[in-house]
C-alpha atoms as a PDB file:
ATOM      1  CA  MET A   1     -12.005 -19.467  -6.533  1.00  0.00           C
ATOM      2  CA  LEU A   2      -8.602 -18.039  -5.896  1.00  0.00           C
ATOM      3  CA  VAL A   3      -5.766 -19.857  -4.274  1.00  0.00           C
ATOM      4  CA  PRO A   4      -4.207 -17.698  -1.552  1.00  0.00           C
ATOM      5  CA  ALA A   5      -1.154 -15.980  -2.903  1.00  0.00           C
ATOM      6  CA  SER A   6       2.102 -17.361  -1.667  1.00  0.00           C
ATOM      7  CA  SER A   7       5.315 -15.427  -1.694  1.00  0.00           C
ATOM      8  CA  HIS A   8       7.614 -18.291  -2.758  1.00  0.00           C
ATOM      9  CA  LEU A   9      10.299 -16.433  -0.829  1.00  0.00           C
ATOM     10  CA  LEU A  10      11.890 -16.875   2.557  1.00  0.00           C
ATOM     11  CA  PHE A  11      12.822 -13.665   4.343  1.00  0.00           C
ATOM     12  CA  TYR A  12      15.599 -13.605   6.869  1.00  0.00           C
ATOM     13  CA  PRO A  13      15.438 -10.716   9.353  1.00  0.00           C
ATOM     14  CA  SER A  14      18.241  -8.230   9.246  1.00  0.00           C
ATOM     15  CA  GLN A  15      19.449  -5.945  11.989  1.00  0.00           C
ATOM     16  CA  GLN A  16      17.294  -3.226  10.527  1.00  0.00           C
ATOM     17  CA  GLN A  17      14.164  -5.360  10.802  1.00  0.00           C
ATOM     18  CA  LEU A  18      11.325  -3.596  12.579  1.00  0.00           C
ATOM     19  CA  THR A  19      11.373  -4.479  16.259  1.00  0.00           C
ATOM     20  CA  SER A  20       9.207  -1.752  17.703  1.00  0.00           C
ATOM     21  CA  ASP A  21       5.904  -2.524  19.410  1.00  0.00           C
ATOM     22  CA  ASP A  22       4.412   0.741  18.152  1.00  0.00           C
ATOM     23  CA  THR A  23       2.040  -1.223  15.892  1.00  0.00           C
ATOM     24  CA  SER A  24       0.486  -3.101  18.807  1.00  0.00           C
ATOM     25  CA  TRP A  25      -2.436  -0.696  18.811  1.00  0.00           C
ATOM     26  CA  ILE A  26      -3.600  -2.060  15.447  1.00  0.00           C
ATOM     27  CA  PRO A  27      -6.363  -4.692  15.760  1.00  0.00           C
ATOM     28  CA  LEU A  28      -5.184  -8.139  14.734  1.00  0.00           C
ATOM     29  CA  PHE A  29      -7.737  -8.395  11.933  1.00  0.00           C
ATOM     30  CA  LEU A  30      -6.185  -5.313  10.316  1.00  0.00           C
ATOM     31  CA  GLN A  31      -2.595  -6.456  10.592  1.00  0.00           C
ATOM     32  CA  ALA A  32      -0.942  -7.812   7.489  1.00  0.00           C
ATOM     33  CA  PRO A  33       1.717 -10.495   7.218  1.00  0.00           C
ATOM     34  CA  SER A  34       5.230  -9.218   7.842  1.00  0.00           C
ATOM     35  CA  ASP A  35       6.229  -9.187   4.178  1.00  0.00           C
ATOM     36  CA  ILE A  36       7.300  -5.560   4.307  1.00  0.00           C
ATOM     37  CA  GLN A  37      10.903  -6.086   5.204  1.00  0.00           C
ATOM     38  CA  SER A  38      14.346  -4.879   4.301  1.00  0.00           C
ATOM     39  CA  THR A  39      15.461  -6.093   0.908  1.00  0.00           C
ATOM     40  CA  ALA A  40      19.148  -5.565   1.268  1.00  0.00           C
ATOM     41  CA  THR A  41      21.351  -7.955  -0.672  1.00  0.00           C
ATOM     42  CA  GLY A  42      21.208 -11.350   0.977  1.00  0.00           C
ATOM     43  CA  ALA A  43      17.882 -10.750   2.735  1.00  0.00           C
ATOM     44  CA  CYS A  44      15.886 -12.478  -0.018  1.00  0.00           C
ATOM     45  CA  THR A  45      16.246 -16.142  -0.800  1.00  0.00           C
ATOM     46  CA  PRO A  46      14.221 -17.652  -3.681  1.00  0.00           C
ATOM     47  CA  ARG A  47      12.366 -20.873  -2.969  1.00  0.00           C
ATOM     48  CA  HIS A  48      11.153 -23.036  -5.845  1.00  0.00           C
ATOM     49  CA  ASN A  49       8.083 -25.176  -5.234  1.00  0.00           C
ATOM     50  CA  LYS A  50       7.025 -26.957  -8.418  1.00  0.00           C
ATOM     51  CA  PRO A  51       3.543 -28.160  -7.273  1.00  0.00           C
ATOM     52  CA  GLU A  52       2.762 -24.701  -5.922  1.00  0.00           C
ATOM     53  CA  LEU A  53       3.991 -23.069  -9.118  1.00  0.00           C
ATOM     54  CA  THR A  54       1.911 -25.420 -11.270  1.00  0.00           C
ATOM     55  CA  LEU A  55      -1.220 -24.768  -9.229  1.00  0.00           C
ATOM     56  CA  SER A  56      -0.687 -21.000  -9.378  1.00  0.00           C
ATOM     57  CA  ILE A  57      -0.316 -21.105 -13.167  1.00  0.00           C
ATOM     58  CA  LEU A  58      -3.456 -23.246 -13.522  1.00  0.00           C
ATOM     59  CA  VAL A  59      -5.419 -20.796 -11.381  1.00  0.00           C
ATOM     60  CA  LEU A  60      -4.143 -17.913 -13.513  1.00  0.00           C
ATOM     61  CA  ILE A  61      -5.233 -19.700 -16.696  1.00  0.00           C
ATOM     62  CA  TYR A  62      -8.624 -20.457 -15.139  1.00  0.00           C
ATOM     63  CA  ILE A  63      -9.169 -16.798 -14.288  1.00  0.00           C
ATOM     64  CA  ILE A  64      -8.465 -15.742 -17.872  1.00  0.00           C
ATOM     65  CA  VAL A  65     -10.525 -18.478 -19.526  1.00  0.00           C
ATOM     66  CA  SER A  66     -13.505 -18.011 -17.203  1.00  0.00           C
ATOM     67  CA  TYR A  67     -14.020 -14.439 -18.397  1.00  0.00           C
ATOM     68  CA  LEU A  68     -13.915 -15.214 -22.121  1.00  0.00           C
ATOM     69  CA  PRO A  69     -17.547 -16.467 -22.422  1.00  0.00           C
ATOM     70  CA  GLN A  70     -18.761 -13.170 -20.962  1.00  0.00           C
ATOM     71  CA  TYR A  71     -16.776 -11.167 -23.507  1.00  0.00           C
ATOM     72  CA  TYR A  72     -17.999 -13.388 -26.317  1.00  0.00           C
ATOM     73  CA  ARG A  73     -21.623 -12.946 -25.274  1.00  0.00           C
ATOM     74  CA  ILE A  74     -21.337  -9.163 -25.240  1.00  0.00           C
ATOM     75  CA  PHE A  75     -19.570  -9.081 -28.624  1.00  0.00           C
ATOM     76  CA  GLN A  76     -22.089 -11.508 -30.088  1.00  0.00           C
ATOM     77  CA  LYS A  77     -25.103  -9.491 -28.943  1.00  0.00           C
ATOM     78  CA  LYS A  78     -23.395  -6.145 -29.593  1.00  0.00           C
ATOM     79  CA  SER A  79     -25.105  -5.116 -26.385  1.00  0.00           C
ATOM     80  CA  SER A  80     -24.484  -5.153 -22.651  1.00  0.00           C
ATOM     81  CA  ASP A  81     -28.204  -5.276 -21.958  1.00  0.00           C
ATOM     82  CA  GLY A  82     -28.933  -7.594 -19.047  1.00  0.00           C
ATOM     83  CA  LEU A  83     -25.870  -6.754 -16.999  1.00  0.00           C
ATOM     84  CA  SER A  84     -26.570  -5.067 -13.693  1.00  0.00           C
ATOM     85  CA  LEU A  85     -24.727  -1.786 -13.287  1.00  0.00           C
ATOM     86  CA  TRP A  86     -24.530  -2.250  -9.526  1.00  0.00           C
ATOM     87  CA  PHE A  87     -23.028  -5.704  -9.989  1.00  0.00           C
ATOM     88  CA  LEU A  88     -20.289  -4.139 -12.100  1.00  0.00           C
ATOM     89  CA  ILE A  89     -19.720  -1.252  -9.690  1.00  0.00           C
ATOM     90  CA  LEU A  90     -19.389  -3.506  -6.659  1.00  0.00           C
ATOM     91  CA  GLY A  91     -17.231  -5.981  -8.565  1.00  0.00           C
ATOM     92  CA  SER A  92     -14.911  -3.288  -9.883  1.00  0.00           C
ATOM     93  CA  LEU A  93     -14.459  -1.766  -6.442  1.00  0.00           C
ATOM     94  CA  SER A  94     -13.847  -5.215  -4.971  1.00  0.00           C
ATOM     95  CA  THR A  95     -11.255  -6.304  -7.541  1.00  0.00           C
ATOM     96  CA  THR A  96      -9.481  -2.959  -7.274  1.00  0.00           C
ATOM     97  CA  SER A  97      -9.307  -3.275  -3.491  1.00  0.00           C
ATOM     98  CA  SER A  98      -8.128  -6.890  -3.728  1.00  0.00           C
ATOM     99  CA  PHE A  99      -5.312  -5.974  -6.095  1.00  0.00           C
ATOM    100  CA  PHE A 100      -3.982  -3.117  -3.980  1.00  0.00           C
ATOM    101  CA  ASN A 101      -4.373  -5.232  -0.845  1.00  0.00           C
ATOM    102  CA  ILE A 102      -2.091  -7.985  -2.106  1.00  0.00           C
ATOM    103  CA  PHE A 103       0.225  -5.430  -3.726  1.00  0.00           C
ATOM    104  CA  VAL A 104       0.838  -3.890  -0.306  1.00  0.00           C
ATOM    105  CA  LEU A 105       1.099  -7.207   1.538  1.00  0.00           C
ATOM    106  CA  GLN A 106       3.551  -8.581  -1.013  1.00  0.00           C
ATOM    107  CA  TRP A 107       5.601  -5.403  -1.350  1.00  0.00           C
ATOM    108  CA  GLY A 108       8.577  -7.099   0.249  1.00  0.00           C
ATOM    109  CA  VAL A 109       8.386  -9.810  -2.401  1.00  0.00           C
ATOM    110  CA  ILE A 110       8.261  -7.225  -5.176  1.00  0.00           C
ATOM    111  CA  ARG A 111      11.313  -5.418  -3.832  1.00  0.00           C
ATOM    112  CA  CYS A 112      13.189  -8.711  -3.696  1.00  0.00           C
ATOM    113  CA  CYS A 113      12.866  -8.963  -7.481  1.00  0.00           C
ATOM    114  CA  SER A 114      15.845  -6.630  -7.804  1.00  0.00           C
ATOM    115  CA  VAL A 115      17.920  -9.213  -5.938  1.00  0.00           C
ATOM    116  CA  ILE A 116      16.723 -12.670  -6.965  1.00  0.00           C
ATOM    117  CA  GLY A 117      16.481 -12.263 -10.753  1.00  0.00           C
ATOM    118  CA  PRO A 118      13.673 -12.429 -13.366  1.00  0.00           C
ATOM    119  CA  GLY A 119      12.835 -16.149 -13.138  1.00  0.00           C
ATOM    120  CA  PRO A 120      12.383 -16.458  -9.369  1.00  0.00           C
ATOM    121  CA  CYS A 121      10.747 -13.014  -9.356  1.00  0.00           C
ATOM    122  CA  THR A 122       8.107 -14.104 -11.866  1.00  0.00           C
ATOM    123  CA  GLU A 123       7.385 -17.186  -9.790  1.00  0.00           C
ATOM    124  CA  SER A 124       7.203 -15.233  -6.547  1.00  0.00           C
ATOM    125  CA  ILE A 125       4.690 -12.650  -7.769  1.00  0.00           C
ATOM    126  CA  LEU A 126       2.211 -15.074  -9.340  1.00  0.00           C
ATOM    127  CA  GLY A 127      -0.212 -14.368  -6.504  1.00  0.00           C
ATOM    128  CA  ILE A 128      -0.098 -10.662  -7.325  1.00  0.00           C
ATOM    129  CA  THR A 129      -0.421 -11.499 -11.013  1.00  0.00           C
ATOM    130  CA  GLN A 130      -3.574 -13.527 -10.354  1.00  0.00           C
ATOM    131  CA  LEU A 131      -5.384 -10.646  -8.688  1.00  0.00           C
ATOM    132  CA  GLY A 132      -3.929  -8.175 -11.177  1.00  0.00           C
ATOM    133  CA  VAL A 133      -5.289 -10.183 -14.107  1.00  0.00           C
ATOM    134  CA  GLN A 134      -8.631 -10.541 -12.353  1.00  0.00           C
ATOM    135  CA  PHE A 135      -8.733  -6.784 -11.813  1.00  0.00           C
ATOM    136  CA  VAL A 136      -8.094  -6.161 -15.520  1.00  0.00           C
ATOM    137  CA  MET A 137     -10.500  -8.838 -16.763  1.00  0.00           C
ATOM    138  CA  PHE A 138     -13.406  -7.738 -14.588  1.00  0.00           C
ATOM    139  CA  ASN A 139     -12.971  -4.057 -15.287  1.00  0.00           C
ATOM    140  CA  LEU A 140     -12.840  -4.862 -18.989  1.00  0.00           C
ATOM    141  CA  ILE A 141     -16.412  -6.104 -18.589  1.00  0.00           C
ATOM    142  CA  PHE A 142     -17.346  -2.681 -17.233  1.00  0.00           C
ATOM    143  CA  ILE A 143     -15.627  -1.017 -20.189  1.00  0.00           C
ATOM    144  CA  LEU A 144     -17.543  -3.243 -22.605  1.00  0.00           C
ATOM    145  CA  TYR A 145     -20.724  -2.456 -20.686  1.00  0.00           C
ATOM    146  CA  MET A 146     -20.218   1.232 -21.397  1.00  0.00           C
ATOM    147  CA  ILE A 147     -19.185   0.715 -25.030  1.00  0.00           C
ATOM    148  CA  TYR A 148     -22.105  -1.573 -25.820  1.00  0.00           C
ATOM    149  CA  PHE A 149     -24.689   0.185 -23.677  1.00  0.00           C
ATOM    150  CA  PRO A 150     -28.031  -0.060 -25.572  1.00  0.00           C
ATOM    151  CA  PRO A 151     -28.492   3.246 -27.448  1.00  0.00           C
ATOM    152  CA  HIS A 152     -32.239   3.297 -26.892  1.00  0.00           C
ATOM    153  CA  LYS A 153     -31.668   3.180 -23.137  1.00  0.00           C
ATOM    154  CA  LYS A 154     -29.447   6.245 -23.124  1.00  0.00           C
ATOM    155  CA  VAL A 155     -32.434   8.526 -23.622  1.00  0.00           C
ATOM    156  CA  SER A 156     -35.035   9.159 -20.964  1.00  0.00           C
ATOM    157  CA  THR A 157     -38.190   7.144 -21.596  1.00  0.00           C
ATOM    158  CA  PHE A 158     -40.325  10.103 -20.531  1.00  0.00           C
ATOM    159  CA  LEU A 159     -38.893  12.359 -23.251  1.00  0.00           C
ATOM    160  CA  ARG A 160     -38.478   9.763 -25.970  1.00  0.00           C
ATOM    161  CA  HIS A 161     -41.939  10.412 -27.423  1.00  0.00           C
ATOM    162  CA  GLN A 162     -41.342  14.168 -27.482  1.00  0.00           C
ATOM    163  CA  LEU A 163     -38.042  13.696 -29.296  1.00  0.00           C
ATOM    164  CA  LEU A 164     -39.840  11.889 -32.104  1.00  0.00           C
ATOM    165  CA  HIS A 165     -41.738  15.096 -32.862  1.00  0.00           C
ATOM    166  CA  CYS A 166     -38.800  17.376 -32.300  1.00  0.00           C
ATOM    167  CA  ARG A 167     -37.094  19.025 -35.255  1.00  0.00           C
ATOM    168  CA  LEU A 168     -34.806  21.835 -34.098  1.00  0.00           C
ATOM    169  CA  PHE A 169     -32.953  22.685 -30.921  1.00  0.00           C
ATOM    170  CA  CYS A 170     -33.853  19.455 -29.180  1.00  0.00           C
ATOM    171  CA  LEU A 171     -31.198  17.708 -27.142  1.00  0.00           C
ATOM    172  CA  PRO A 172     -32.013  14.239 -25.835  1.00  0.00           C
ATOM    173  CA  ALA A 173     -32.077  13.939 -22.061  1.00  0.00           C
ATOM    174  CA  ARG A 174     -29.996  11.163 -20.572  1.00  0.00           C
ATOM    175  CA  SER A 175     -31.791   8.308 -18.920  1.00  0.00           C
ATOM    176  CA  PHE A 176     -31.214   7.706 -15.242  1.00  0.00           C
ATOM    177  CA  THR A 177     -29.329   4.446 -15.878  1.00  0.00           C
ATOM    178  CA  TRP A 178     -26.993   5.992 -18.451  1.00  0.00           C
ATOM    179  CA  THR A 179     -26.367   9.006 -16.212  1.00  0.00           C
ATOM    180  CA  LEU A 180     -25.602   6.672 -13.322  1.00  0.00           C
ATOM    181  CA  SER A 181     -23.277   4.646 -15.556  1.00  0.00           C
ATOM    182  CA  ILE A 182     -21.276   7.751 -16.454  1.00  0.00           C
ATOM    183  CA  LEU A 183     -21.119   8.756 -12.792  1.00  0.00           C
ATOM    184  CA  ALA A 184     -20.004   5.227 -11.858  1.00  0.00           C
ATOM    185  CA  THR A 185     -17.184   5.428 -14.403  1.00  0.00           C
ATOM    186  CA  LYS A 186     -15.896   8.615 -12.800  1.00  0.00           C
ATOM    187  CA  ILE A 187     -16.194   7.151  -9.300  1.00  0.00           C
ATOM    188  CA  LEU A 188     -14.335   3.967 -10.250  1.00  0.00           C
ATOM    189  CA  LEU A 189     -11.555   5.928 -11.940  1.00  0.00           C
ATOM    190  CA  GLY A 190     -11.329   8.191  -8.914  1.00  0.00           C
ATOM    191  CA  TYR A 191     -11.171   5.224  -6.551  1.00  0.00           C
ATOM    192  CA  PHE A 192      -8.403   3.645  -8.614  1.00  0.00           C
ATOM    193  CA  PHE A 193      -6.251   6.778  -8.756  1.00  0.00           C
ATOM    194  CA  ILE A 194      -6.805   7.620  -5.083  1.00  0.00           C
ATOM    195  CA  SER A 195      -5.927   4.049  -4.065  1.00  0.00           C
ATOM    196  CA  THR A 196      -2.823   4.212  -6.238  1.00  0.00           C
ATOM    197  CA  ALA A 197      -1.744   7.507  -4.698  1.00  0.00           C
ATOM    198  CA  ILE A 198      -2.306   6.406  -1.089  1.00  0.00           C
ATOM    199  CA  THR A 199      -0.563   3.077  -1.679  1.00  0.00           C
ATOM    200  CA  PHE A 200       2.574   4.530  -3.221  1.00  0.00           C
ATOM    201  CA  ILE A 201       2.791   7.428  -0.770  1.00  0.00           C
ATOM    202  CA  LEU A 202       2.723   5.000   2.167  1.00  0.00           C
ATOM    203  CA  LEU A 203       5.110   2.579   0.476  1.00  0.00           C
ATOM    204  CA  ALA A 204       7.483   5.429  -0.315  1.00  0.00           C
ATOM    205  CA  ALA A 205       7.371   6.563   3.316  1.00  0.00           C
ATOM    206  CA  VAL A 206       8.171   3.079   4.564  1.00  0.00           C
ATOM    207  CA  GLY A 207      10.883   2.633   1.946  1.00  0.00           C
ATOM    208  CA  ARG A 208      12.658   5.870   2.754  1.00  0.00           C
ATOM    209  CA  GLU A 209      12.605   5.320   6.491  1.00  0.00           C
ATOM    210  CA  ASP A 210      13.643   1.706   6.130  1.00  0.00           C
ATOM    211  CA  ILE A 211      16.815   2.905   4.431  1.00  0.00           C
ATOM    212  CA  SER A 212      17.550   6.016   6.462  1.00  0.00           C
ATOM    213  CA  HIS A 213      16.685   5.141  10.064  1.00  0.00           C
ATOM    214  CA  ASP A 214      19.414   3.772  12.253  1.00  0.00           C
ATOM    215  CA  ASP A 215      17.615   2.817  15.447  1.00  0.00           C
ATOM    216  CA  GLY A 216      15.454   0.020  14.088  1.00  0.00           C
ATOM    217  CA  THR A 217      12.203   1.801  14.937  1.00  0.00           C
ATOM    218  CA  GLY A 218      12.115   4.829  12.642  1.00  0.00           C
ATOM    219  CA  ASN A 219       9.501   3.585  10.232  1.00  0.00           C
ATOM    220  CA  SER A 220       7.155   1.836  12.653  1.00  0.00           C
ATOM    221  CA  ARG A 221       4.474   4.533  12.421  1.00  0.00           C
ATOM    222  CA  SER A 222       4.480   4.639   8.623  1.00  0.00           C
ATOM    223  CA  ARG A 223       4.450   0.858   8.536  1.00  0.00           C
ATOM    224  CA  ALA A 224       1.507   0.854  10.946  1.00  0.00           C
ATOM    225  CA  TRP A 225      -0.507   3.098   8.644  1.00  0.00           C
ATOM    226  CA  LEU A 226       0.436   0.918   5.697  1.00  0.00           C
ATOM    227  CA  LEU A 227      -0.858  -2.166   7.503  1.00  0.00           C
ATOM    228  CA  VAL A 228      -4.094  -0.382   8.370  1.00  0.00           C
ATOM    229  CA  TRP A 229      -4.488   0.616   4.722  1.00  0.00           C
ATOM    230  CA  ALA A 230      -3.892  -2.959   3.574  1.00  0.00           C
ATOM    231  CA  GLY A 231      -6.350  -4.277   6.140  1.00  0.00           C
ATOM    232  CA  LEU A 232      -8.989  -1.739   5.122  1.00  0.00           C
ATOM    233  CA  LEU A 233      -8.599  -2.707   1.467  1.00  0.00           C
ATOM    234  CA  GLY A 234      -8.992  -6.358   2.402  1.00  0.00           C
ATOM    235  CA  ILE A 235     -12.185  -5.696   4.352  1.00  0.00           C
ATOM    236  CA  ILE A 236     -13.667  -3.626   1.511  1.00  0.00           C
ATOM    237  CA  ALA A 237     -12.792  -6.306  -1.041  1.00  0.00           C
ATOM    238  CA  ALA A 238     -14.260  -9.141   1.026  1.00  0.00           C
ATOM    239  CA  PHE A 239     -17.477  -7.301   1.905  1.00  0.00           C
ATOM    240  CA  LEU A 240     -18.192  -6.142  -1.643  1.00  0.00           C
ATOM    241  CA  ALA A 241     -17.419  -9.601  -3.022  1.00  0.00           C
ATOM    242  CA  MET A 242     -20.069 -11.061  -0.709  1.00  0.00           C
ATOM    243  CA  ILE A 243     -22.840  -8.757  -1.897  1.00  0.00           C
ATOM    244  CA  GLN A 244     -21.909  -7.981  -5.504  1.00  0.00           C
ATOM    245  CA  TYR A 245     -24.008 -10.773  -7.037  1.00  0.00           C
ATOM    246  CA  ILE A 246     -27.233  -9.671  -5.337  1.00  0.00           C
ATOM    247  CA  PRO A 247     -27.998  -6.857  -7.844  1.00  0.00           C
ATOM    248  CA  GLN A 248     -27.372  -9.175 -10.806  1.00  0.00           C
ATOM    249  CA  ILE A 249     -29.635 -11.881  -9.355  1.00  0.00           C
ATOM    250  CA  ILE A 250     -32.387  -9.306  -8.847  1.00  0.00           C
ATOM    251  CA  GLU A 251     -31.871  -7.926 -12.363  1.00  0.00           C
ATOM    252  CA  THR A 252     -32.086 -11.392 -13.895  1.00  0.00           C
ATOM    253  CA  TYR A 253     -35.176 -12.266 -11.857  1.00  0.00           C
ATOM    254  CA  LEU A 254     -37.037  -9.091 -12.810  1.00  0.00           C
ATOM    255  CA  ARG A 255     -36.204  -9.432 -16.497  1.00  0.00           C
ATOM    256  CA  LYS A 256     -37.042 -13.146 -16.540  1.00  0.00           C
ATOM    257  CA  VAL A 257     -34.262 -13.520 -19.095  1.00  0.00           C
ATOM    258  CA  PRO A 258     -30.970 -15.050 -17.961  1.00  0.00           C
ATOM    259  CA  PHE A 259     -27.792 -13.250 -18.875  1.00  0.00           C
ATOM    260  CA  SER A 260     -24.850 -15.474 -18.081  1.00  0.00           C
ATOM    261  CA  ILE A 261     -22.327 -13.923 -15.761  1.00  0.00           C
ATOM    262  CA  HIS A 262     -18.856 -15.357 -15.966  1.00  0.00           C
ATOM    263  CA  SER A 263     -17.035 -13.537 -13.227  1.00  0.00           C
ATOM    264  CA  GLY A 264     -13.880 -15.547 -13.165  1.00  0.00           C
ATOM    265  CA  GLY A 265     -12.449 -16.404  -9.808  1.00  0.00           C
ATOM    266  CA  HIS A 266     -13.984 -13.476  -8.028  1.00  0.00           C
ATOM    267  CA  ASN A 267     -15.619 -14.683  -4.863  1.00  0.00           C
END
């Protein structure tokens, strides 16, 4: 369970605020909140809400603590046997998408940090911190999965008997699961770096135009693409979160041995 991130900031439109209707072609379900705004001095006003701050901190602590039993179980067994690879793939893609989604939607809040100071900034980005921590904690499970992958499952079962009688010039063939795990690692890294590149390219385009344009509409097209990107990330994250537990349930059922999955607040 994650509490929806709140900005803790009030934004007051400036004369350079986007007023163009060029983004009207974007479907409503893809449009993000209007947090991407000018952050000129005076445009950002910190708002302190103690109950909201307390709840956000408690949720952050819950996310961290909820993953610890999973780490402990892997360290205790010295094995990641029982974890579904597809569960980890879907979860990693989902948490990555969720993080970049909120990063884009709260970009205006992040830029305000240069104006409002460290304390209010820390409070305002707790929503981003929650999903950032969840992204790190879940992907750490995938890292541990690779580190503690059962050695006997790295070799193809079909060739294992032949390897026992092999003396020279015999290289073990990778099992399908281990090969898929290596491929998944490359795909997840690629998805992360591509998402990072697209996000910062679009943010840079919006940032430059927001500063340089003088007619109030110069960056509407870049902003439109940024909103589409944020919406797409949100859809990917939500869809994968809905189906990610199915592979693990099937894996547990087929093995008839429960392997506790502590997936934090990811739902």
